[in-house]
N, C-alpha and C. Protein backbone atom coordinates (compact mmCIF):
# COMPACT_ATOMS: atom_id res chain seq x y z
N GLU A 1 24.40 -8.85 -10.34
CA GLU A 1 25.80 -8.58 -10.10
C GLU A 1 26.22 -7.18 -10.54
N SER A 2 25.44 -6.53 -11.41
CA SER A 2 25.81 -5.18 -11.80
C SER A 2 24.84 -4.13 -11.26
N LEU A 3 23.69 -4.53 -10.76
CA LEU A 3 22.69 -3.57 -10.28
C LEU A 3 23.21 -2.74 -9.11
N VAL A 4 23.78 -3.39 -8.12
CA VAL A 4 24.23 -2.67 -6.93
C VAL A 4 25.38 -1.73 -7.25
N PRO A 5 26.47 -2.19 -7.89
CA PRO A 5 27.56 -1.25 -8.16
C PRO A 5 27.16 -0.11 -9.09
N ARG A 6 26.32 -0.40 -10.07
CA ARG A 6 25.90 0.67 -10.99
C ARG A 6 25.03 1.69 -10.28
N THR A 7 24.13 1.23 -9.42
CA THR A 7 23.28 2.14 -8.67
C THR A 7 24.11 3.00 -7.73
N MET A 8 25.03 2.38 -7.03
CA MET A 8 25.86 3.13 -6.08
C MET A 8 26.78 4.11 -6.81
N ALA A 9 27.29 3.73 -7.96
CA ALA A 9 28.14 4.64 -8.75
C ALA A 9 27.34 5.84 -9.22
N ALA A 10 26.11 5.61 -9.68
CA ALA A 10 25.26 6.72 -10.12
C ALA A 10 24.93 7.64 -8.95
N ALA A 11 24.63 7.06 -7.79
CA ALA A 11 24.32 7.87 -6.61
C ALA A 11 25.52 8.72 -6.21
N ALA A 12 26.70 8.13 -6.24
CA ALA A 12 27.92 8.87 -5.88
C ALA A 12 28.17 9.99 -6.88
N GLU A 13 28.01 9.70 -8.16
CA GLU A 13 28.25 10.70 -9.20
C GLU A 13 27.31 11.89 -9.07
N LEU A 14 26.07 11.62 -8.68
CA LEU A 14 25.08 12.68 -8.56
C LEU A 14 24.98 13.27 -7.15
N GLY A 15 25.74 12.71 -6.22
CA GLY A 15 25.75 13.22 -4.86
C GLY A 15 24.54 12.80 -4.04
N TYR A 16 23.89 11.71 -4.41
CA TYR A 16 22.73 11.23 -3.67
C TYR A 16 23.18 10.41 -2.47
N LYS A 17 22.54 10.62 -1.35
CA LYS A 17 22.84 9.86 -0.13
C LYS A 17 21.64 9.06 0.35
N LYS A 18 20.61 8.98 -0.48
CA LYS A 18 19.42 8.18 -0.18
C LYS A 18 19.17 7.25 -1.36
N ILE A 19 19.09 5.96 -1.08
CA ILE A 19 18.90 4.94 -2.11
C ILE A 19 17.61 4.19 -1.81
N ALA A 20 16.74 4.06 -2.80
CA ALA A 20 15.51 3.29 -2.66
C ALA A 20 15.55 2.10 -3.61
N VAL A 21 15.20 0.95 -3.10
CA VAL A 21 15.12 -0.27 -3.91
C VAL A 21 13.70 -0.79 -3.76
N ALA A 22 13.02 -1.00 -4.88
CA ALA A 22 11.62 -1.43 -4.82
C ALA A 22 11.31 -2.39 -5.96
N GLY A 23 10.10 -2.88 -5.94
CA GLY A 23 9.66 -3.81 -6.97
C GLY A 23 10.09 -5.23 -6.67
N GLY A 24 9.93 -6.08 -7.64
CA GLY A 24 10.25 -7.49 -7.48
C GLY A 24 11.70 -7.74 -7.12
N VAL A 25 12.60 -6.92 -7.65
CA VAL A 25 14.03 -7.10 -7.37
C VAL A 25 14.33 -6.92 -5.89
N ALA A 26 13.54 -6.10 -5.21
CA ALA A 26 13.77 -5.84 -3.79
C ALA A 26 13.38 -7.04 -2.91
N ALA A 27 12.76 -8.05 -3.50
CA ALA A 27 12.41 -9.26 -2.75
C ALA A 27 13.58 -10.23 -2.67
N ASN A 28 14.61 -9.98 -3.46
CA ASN A 28 15.77 -10.87 -3.50
C ASN A 28 16.66 -10.60 -2.28
N SER A 29 16.83 -11.61 -1.43
CA SER A 29 17.58 -11.42 -0.18
C SER A 29 19.04 -11.08 -0.43
N ARG A 30 19.63 -11.62 -1.46
CA ARG A 30 21.04 -11.31 -1.78
C ARG A 30 21.19 -9.85 -2.21
N ILE A 31 20.27 -9.40 -3.05
CA ILE A 31 20.32 -8.00 -3.50
C ILE A 31 20.09 -7.06 -2.32
N ARG A 32 19.16 -7.39 -1.44
CA ARG A 32 18.92 -6.57 -0.26
C ARG A 32 20.18 -6.47 0.60
N ALA A 33 20.84 -7.61 0.81
CA ALA A 33 22.07 -7.62 1.62
C ALA A 33 23.18 -6.85 0.95
N ASP A 34 23.34 -7.02 -0.37
CA ASP A 34 24.39 -6.30 -1.10
C ASP A 34 24.15 -4.79 -1.07
N PHE A 35 22.89 -4.37 -1.24
CA PHE A 35 22.58 -2.94 -1.16
C PHE A 35 22.83 -2.41 0.25
N ALA A 36 22.47 -3.18 1.26
CA ALA A 36 22.68 -2.74 2.65
C ALA A 36 24.17 -2.52 2.92
N ALA A 37 25.00 -3.46 2.47
CA ALA A 37 26.44 -3.34 2.68
C ALA A 37 27.01 -2.16 1.90
N ALA A 38 26.58 -2.00 0.66
CA ALA A 38 27.09 -0.91 -0.18
C ALA A 38 26.65 0.45 0.35
N ALA A 39 25.41 0.55 0.81
CA ALA A 39 24.92 1.82 1.35
C ALA A 39 25.66 2.18 2.63
N GLU A 40 25.89 1.20 3.48
CA GLU A 40 26.64 1.47 4.72
C GLU A 40 28.05 1.95 4.40
N LYS A 41 28.70 1.28 3.46
CA LYS A 41 30.06 1.66 3.07
C LYS A 41 30.10 3.08 2.50
N ALA A 42 29.05 3.47 1.77
CA ALA A 42 29.00 4.79 1.15
C ALA A 42 28.44 5.86 2.08
N GLY A 43 28.00 5.46 3.26
CA GLY A 43 27.39 6.42 4.18
C GLY A 43 26.04 6.91 3.69
N ALA A 44 25.33 6.05 2.98
CA ALA A 44 24.03 6.42 2.41
C ALA A 44 22.91 5.73 3.18
N GLN A 45 21.72 6.32 3.13
CA GLN A 45 20.53 5.71 3.72
C GLN A 45 19.91 4.79 2.68
N LEU A 46 19.49 3.62 3.10
CA LEU A 46 18.84 2.67 2.20
C LEU A 46 17.38 2.52 2.61
N PHE A 47 16.50 2.60 1.63
CA PHE A 47 15.07 2.44 1.85
C PHE A 47 14.59 1.24 1.05
N VAL A 48 14.13 0.21 1.74
CA VAL A 48 13.62 -1.00 1.10
C VAL A 48 12.30 -1.37 1.79
N PRO A 49 11.23 -1.55 1.02
CA PRO A 49 9.95 -1.89 1.65
C PRO A 49 9.96 -3.30 2.23
N PRO A 50 9.02 -3.59 3.11
CA PRO A 50 8.90 -4.96 3.62
C PRO A 50 8.65 -5.93 2.45
N LEU A 51 9.06 -7.17 2.63
CA LEU A 51 8.91 -8.17 1.57
C LEU A 51 7.49 -8.25 1.03
N ARG A 52 6.51 -8.13 1.90
CA ARG A 52 5.11 -8.26 1.45
C ARG A 52 4.71 -7.16 0.47
N LEU A 53 5.49 -6.08 0.41
CA LEU A 53 5.20 -4.98 -0.52
C LEU A 53 6.12 -4.98 -1.74
N CYS A 54 6.97 -5.96 -1.85
CA CYS A 54 7.90 -6.04 -2.98
C CYS A 54 7.28 -6.86 -4.11
N GLY A 55 6.36 -6.27 -4.79
CA GLY A 55 5.66 -6.97 -5.86
C GLY A 55 6.19 -6.61 -7.23
N ASP A 56 5.58 -7.20 -8.20
CA ASP A 56 5.94 -6.97 -9.59
C ASP A 56 5.65 -5.52 -9.98
N ASN A 57 6.61 -4.86 -10.61
CA ASN A 57 6.42 -3.46 -11.00
C ASN A 57 5.25 -3.28 -11.96
N ALA A 58 5.06 -4.21 -12.88
CA ALA A 58 3.96 -4.07 -13.84
C ALA A 58 2.62 -4.06 -13.13
N ALA A 59 2.47 -4.86 -12.10
CA ALA A 59 1.21 -4.88 -11.35
C ALA A 59 1.01 -3.55 -10.63
N MET A 60 2.08 -3.00 -10.05
CA MET A 60 1.97 -1.72 -9.35
C MET A 60 1.63 -0.59 -10.32
N ILE A 61 2.28 -0.59 -11.48
CA ILE A 61 2.03 0.45 -12.48
C ILE A 61 0.60 0.34 -13.00
N GLY A 62 0.15 -0.89 -13.26
CA GLY A 62 -1.22 -1.09 -13.72
C GLY A 62 -2.24 -0.62 -12.71
N CYS A 63 -2.00 -0.90 -11.45
CA CYS A 63 -2.91 -0.47 -10.38
C CYS A 63 -2.96 1.05 -10.31
N GLN A 64 -1.80 1.69 -10.34
CA GLN A 64 -1.77 3.16 -10.29
C GLN A 64 -2.44 3.75 -11.52
N GLY A 65 -2.20 3.13 -12.69
CA GLY A 65 -2.84 3.60 -13.92
C GLY A 65 -4.36 3.55 -13.83
N TYR A 66 -4.87 2.51 -13.21
CA TYR A 66 -6.31 2.37 -13.03
C TYR A 66 -6.86 3.56 -12.22
N TYR A 67 -6.20 3.88 -11.12
CA TYR A 67 -6.68 4.99 -10.29
C TYR A 67 -6.49 6.34 -10.97
N GLU A 68 -5.43 6.49 -11.74
CA GLU A 68 -5.24 7.73 -12.50
C GLU A 68 -6.35 7.89 -13.54
N PHE A 69 -6.70 6.79 -14.22
CA PHE A 69 -7.78 6.82 -15.20
C PHE A 69 -9.10 7.20 -14.54
N LEU A 70 -9.40 6.59 -13.41
CA LEU A 70 -10.64 6.91 -12.70
C LEU A 70 -10.69 8.38 -12.30
N ALA A 71 -9.53 8.96 -12.02
CA ALA A 71 -9.46 10.37 -11.62
C ALA A 71 -9.48 11.31 -12.83
N GLY A 72 -9.52 10.73 -14.04
CA GLY A 72 -9.55 11.56 -15.24
C GLY A 72 -8.19 12.02 -15.72
N HIS A 73 -7.13 11.46 -15.16
CA HIS A 73 -5.77 11.84 -15.57
C HIS A 73 -5.35 10.96 -16.74
N THR A 74 -5.54 11.46 -17.94
CA THR A 74 -5.17 10.71 -19.14
C THR A 74 -4.26 11.55 -20.00
N ALA A 75 -3.62 10.93 -20.97
CA ALA A 75 -2.72 11.63 -21.88
C ALA A 75 -3.17 11.38 -23.31
N GLY A 76 -2.74 12.25 -24.19
CA GLY A 76 -3.07 12.12 -25.60
C GLY A 76 -2.12 11.18 -26.32
N PRO A 77 -2.34 10.98 -27.60
CA PRO A 77 -1.52 10.05 -28.38
C PRO A 77 -0.08 10.53 -28.58
N GLU A 78 0.20 11.78 -28.27
CA GLU A 78 1.57 12.29 -28.44
C GLU A 78 2.51 11.81 -27.33
N LEU A 79 1.98 11.30 -26.25
CA LEU A 79 2.81 10.81 -25.15
C LEU A 79 3.56 9.56 -25.58
N ASN A 80 4.83 9.49 -25.25
CA ASN A 80 5.64 8.34 -25.63
C ASN A 80 6.54 7.95 -24.46
N ALA A 81 6.96 6.71 -24.45
CA ALA A 81 7.90 6.24 -23.42
C ALA A 81 9.28 6.81 -23.68
N TYR A 82 10.06 6.99 -22.63
CA TYR A 82 11.41 7.52 -22.72
C TYR A 82 12.27 6.64 -21.82
N ALA A 83 12.74 5.52 -22.35
CA ALA A 83 13.44 4.52 -21.54
C ALA A 83 14.79 4.98 -21.02
N THR A 84 15.39 5.98 -21.64
CA THR A 84 16.73 6.42 -21.23
C THR A 84 16.72 7.84 -20.69
N MET A 85 15.63 8.26 -20.07
CA MET A 85 15.54 9.61 -19.53
C MET A 85 16.58 9.82 -18.44
N PRO A 86 17.36 10.90 -18.53
CA PRO A 86 18.35 11.18 -17.48
C PRO A 86 17.66 11.40 -16.13
N LEU A 87 18.35 11.05 -15.05
CA LEU A 87 17.78 11.20 -13.71
C LEU A 87 17.39 12.63 -13.39
N GLU A 88 18.15 13.59 -13.91
CA GLU A 88 17.89 14.98 -13.57
C GLU A 88 16.75 15.59 -14.39
N LYS A 89 16.22 14.87 -15.36
CA LYS A 89 15.12 15.38 -16.19
C LYS A 89 13.87 15.54 -15.35
N GLN A 90 13.29 16.71 -15.38
CA GLN A 90 12.06 16.97 -14.63
C GLN A 90 10.88 16.79 -15.57
N ILE A 91 9.92 16.00 -15.15
CA ILE A 91 8.71 15.83 -15.94
C ILE A 91 7.54 16.27 -15.10
N GLY A 92 6.60 16.91 -15.70
CA GLY A 92 5.50 17.41 -14.91
C GLY A 92 4.22 17.12 -15.52
């Protein structure tokens, strides 16, 4: 009940006209419909993958991590999670 309005408010505040919804939450038909209506009202483009690709985020992150590890892309112990990183923060 708060995901759609909060996402749309953030997009409006930052001037974004493209909205992507992914992960397990994107499998919820009500959320998909609410995002579609909100995006249309805001004149924004909505990107939602097919249901068969709306899997658990942890599984997707784990899979990507596996391939990054195989490619030798690792980080040292100084790396830490940043749960409240601003959208405009660039990480490289």
